[in-house]
Amino acid sequence: DTQNLAELFSLINNFKRPTIARVNGAALGGGAGLIASCDYAIAIDTAQIGFTEVRLGLVPAVISPFVIAKIGESHARATFLSGVRFTVEKAIRIGLVHQVTSFDKIDEDLEALVKEFIQSATVTGVITTKLIKEVVHKHTIEDARLFTCETISKVRTSLEGQEGMCALLEKRKANWT
């Protein structure tokens, strides 16, 4: 079961298109791990979030790589070890949630958010996701510099890169919008 759960979180985390968590209520333990696995999280203002495993005699093991990557070691220590539930405002402060909305507006705000995300070019969105993950794991600035320069050089000459630059210069929308 734990291997299947870990695979689920990995699939969400590594999905080639943007993933958005829609939080409407309590997201505890694995539910909070799902939020961490997504690229973006929108939550209603009354949502409660927590890594409550320690209060059940468990550890947040399977979700920990995704959560720590999202909120960092310091916030992981504070939230994992206490098991305390926290507000959406705190979730924003620690980088787990990106946007707060109300119960009445969540669908409207989510729709507006999706419209923003679909303005991005498809292939370059995939490359950008890979870029983020690669740069985070580079050991030196020099390693990151080499990788990022190579990446932008390839993207600039790609079909999407050329179309995007032409659209900008011609003051029109790119053909993928």
Protein backbone atom coordinates (compact mmCIF):
# COMPACT_ATOMS: atom_id res chain seq x y z
CA ASP A 1 0.00 0.00 0.00
CA THR A 2 2.76 2.46 0.86
CA GLN A 3 4.50 1.84 -2.46
CA ASN A 4 1.24 2.54 -4.31
CA LEU A 5 0.68 5.72 -2.30
CA ALA A 6 4.25 6.87 -2.95
CA GLU A 7 3.74 6.21 -6.65
CA LEU A 8 0.54 8.31 -6.63
CA PHE A 9 2.35 11.27 -5.05
CA SER A 10 5.22 10.87 -7.53
CA LEU A 11 2.84 10.79 -10.50
CA ILE A 12 1.16 14.00 -9.35
CA ASN A 13 4.48 15.67 -8.52
CA ASN A 14 6.03 14.74 -11.87
CA PHE A 15 2.97 15.21 -14.06
CA LYS A 16 3.86 16.98 -17.30
CA ARG A 17 1.07 19.51 -17.04
CA PRO A 18 0.39 21.88 -14.13
CA THR A 19 -1.49 20.33 -11.22
CA ILE A 20 -3.73 22.39 -8.97
CA ALA A 21 -4.93 21.37 -5.51
CA ARG A 22 -8.43 22.61 -4.64
CA VAL A 23 -8.68 22.54 -0.85
CA ASN A 24 -12.18 22.76 0.56
CA GLY A 25 -12.13 21.54 4.16
CA ALA A 26 -9.61 19.60 6.19
CA ALA A 27 -6.45 18.35 4.49
CA LEU A 28 -4.66 16.24 7.07
CA GLY A 29 -1.77 13.81 6.70
CA GLY A 30 -1.92 12.37 3.20
CA GLY A 31 -4.36 15.10 2.15
CA ALA A 32 -1.75 17.72 3.02
CA GLY A 33 0.78 15.58 1.15
CA LEU A 34 -1.43 15.79 -1.95
CA ILE A 35 -1.32 19.58 -1.69
CA ALA A 36 2.48 19.47 -1.51
CA SER A 37 2.62 17.25 -4.60
CA CYS A 38 0.77 19.80 -6.71
CA ASP A 39 2.25 22.80 -8.50
CA TYR A 40 -0.33 25.23 -7.14
CA ALA A 41 -2.83 25.16 -4.29
CA ILE A 42 -5.98 27.21 -3.81
CA ALA A 43 -7.84 26.82 -0.53
CA ILE A 44 -10.94 28.21 1.11
CA ASP A 45 -10.28 30.51 4.04
CA THR A 46 -11.73 28.09 6.60
CA ALA A 47 -9.67 25.06 5.53
CA GLN A 48 -7.55 23.31 8.13
CA ILE A 49 -4.26 21.68 7.18
CA GLY A 50 -1.95 19.49 9.22
CA PHE A 51 0.61 16.75 9.25
CA THR A 52 -1.13 14.92 12.08
CA GLU A 53 0.54 11.52 11.76
CA VAL A 54 2.53 11.83 15.04
CA ARG A 55 -0.71 12.19 16.95
CA LEU A 56 -1.72 8.79 15.60
CA GLY A 57 1.61 7.14 16.41
CA LEU A 58 2.69 7.33 12.76
CA VAL A 59 5.20 9.33 10.74
CA PRO A 60 4.62 11.37 7.56
CA ALA A 61 7.17 9.22 5.74
CA VAL A 62 5.68 8.78 2.26
CA ILE A 63 4.69 12.42 1.89
CA SER A 64 7.87 13.83 3.43
CA PRO A 65 9.93 14.23 0.20
CA PHE A 66 7.16 16.30 -1.38
CA VAL A 67 6.32 18.33 1.71
CA ILE A 68 9.94 19.11 2.61
CA ALA A 69 10.65 20.16 -0.98
CA LYS A 70 7.68 22.53 -0.75
CA ILE A 71 7.97 24.00 2.76
CA GLY A 72 11.59 23.36 3.75
CA GLU A 73 13.19 21.58 6.67
CA SER A 74 12.39 24.18 9.33
CA HIS A 75 8.64 24.22 8.67
CA ALA A 76 8.63 20.43 8.27
CA ARG A 77 10.16 20.05 11.72
CA ALA A 78 7.65 22.41 13.29
CA THR A 79 4.58 20.91 11.64
CA PHE A 80 5.58 17.21 11.50
CA LEU A 81 6.73 17.03 15.12
CA SER A 82 3.81 18.95 16.64
CA GLY A 83 1.09 17.39 14.50
CA VAL A 84 -0.83 20.62 14.95
CA ARG A 85 -3.54 21.68 12.53
CA PHE A 86 -2.94 25.10 11.02
CA THR A 87 -4.80 27.75 9.06
CA VAL A 88 -4.62 28.53 5.38
CA GLU A 89 -2.88 31.80 6.25
CA LYS A 90 -0.04 29.82 7.83
CA ALA A 91 -0.04 27.43 4.86
CA ILE A 92 0.53 30.44 2.61
CA ARG A 93 3.34 31.76 4.83
CA ILE A 94 5.20 28.45 4.69
CA GLY A 95 4.69 27.98 0.94
CA LEU A 96 2.22 25.10 0.94
CA VAL A 97 -0.79 27.07 -0.37
CA HIS A 98 -0.66 29.85 -2.96
CA GLN A 99 -4.12 31.41 -2.91
CA VAL A 100 -6.93 31.85 -0.40
CA THR A 101 -10.55 32.22 -1.44
CA SER A 102 -13.98 31.79 0.08
CA PHE A 103 -16.27 28.80 -0.19
CA ASP A 104 -18.60 30.84 -2.41
CA LYS A 105 -15.83 31.91 -4.80
CA ILE A 106 -13.59 28.84 -5.04
CA ASP A 107 -15.04 27.57 -8.32
CA GLU A 108 -14.91 31.02 -9.91
CA ASP A 109 -11.34 31.63 -8.70
CA LEU A 110 -10.26 28.16 -9.80
CA GLU A 111 -11.68 28.75 -13.27
CA ALA A 112 -9.81 32.07 -13.54
CA LEU A 113 -6.63 30.36 -12.39
CA VAL A 114 -6.95 27.59 -14.97
CA LYS A 115 -7.41 30.23 -17.68
CA GLU A 116 -4.08 31.72 -16.61
CA PHE A 117 -2.29 28.39 -16.68
CA ILE A 118 -3.57 27.46 -20.15
CA GLN A 119 -2.03 30.62 -21.61
CA SER A 120 1.34 28.86 -21.39
CA ALA A 121 2.83 26.92 -24.27
CA THR A 122 2.44 23.17 -23.85
CA VAL A 123 5.95 21.91 -24.58
CA THR A 124 7.69 24.74 -22.80
CA GLY A 125 5.50 24.14 -19.75
CA VAL A 126 6.84 20.59 -19.62
CA ILE A 127 10.40 21.87 -20.04
CA THR A 128 9.87 24.48 -17.31
CA THR A 129 8.69 21.80 -14.88
CA LYS A 130 11.83 19.81 -15.63
CA LEU A 131 13.96 22.96 -15.32
CA ILE A 132 12.67 23.67 -11.81
CA LYS A 133 13.32 20.13 -10.62
CA GLU A 134 16.80 20.01 -12.18
CA VAL A 135 17.96 23.40 -10.91
CA VAL A 136 16.87 22.59 -7.36
CA HIS A 137 19.12 19.51 -7.40
CA LYS A 138 22.23 21.11 -8.89
CA HIS A 139 25.07 21.19 -6.38
CA THR A 140 26.70 24.39 -7.57
CA ILE A 141 25.71 27.63 -9.25
CA GLU A 142 28.08 26.70 -12.08
CA ASP A 143 26.25 23.38 -12.67
CA ALA A 144 22.93 25.25 -12.69
CA ARG A 145 24.32 27.90 -15.06
CA LEU A 146 25.47 25.32 -17.59
CA PHE A 147 22.15 23.50 -17.47
CA THR A 148 20.00 26.65 -17.68
CA CYS A 149 22.01 28.15 -20.56
CA GLU A 150 21.73 24.90 -22.50
CA THR A 151 18.00 24.73 -21.80
CA ILE A 152 17.17 28.26 -22.93
CA SER A 153 19.30 27.84 -26.06
CA LYS A 154 17.26 24.80 -27.07
CA VAL A 155 13.93 26.44 -26.23
CA ARG A 156 14.69 29.68 -28.10
CA THR A 157 15.13 27.75 -31.34
CA SER A 158 12.14 25.46 -30.82
CA LEU A 159 8.85 25.92 -32.69
CA GLU A 160 7.10 27.22 -29.58
CA GLY A 161 9.99 29.53 -28.72
CA GLN A 162 10.00 31.00 -32.21
CA GLU A 163 6.21 31.36 -32.28
CA GLY A 164 6.19 33.03 -28.87
CA MET A 165 8.85 35.56 -29.85
CA CYS A 166 7.13 36.29 -33.18
CA ALA A 167 3.81 36.79 -31.41
CA LEU A 168 5.46 39.20 -28.97
CA LEU A 169 7.12 41.22 -31.71
CA GLU A 170 3.98 41.22 -33.88
CA LYS A 171 1.82 42.17 -30.88
CA ARG A 172 -0.53 39.22 -31.28
CA LYS A 173 -1.45 36.16 -29.24
CA ALA A 174 0.61 33.03 -29.75
CA ASN A 175 -1.06 30.25 -31.70
CA TRP A 176 -1.45 28.00 -28.64
CA THR A 177 -3.77 30.41 -26.78
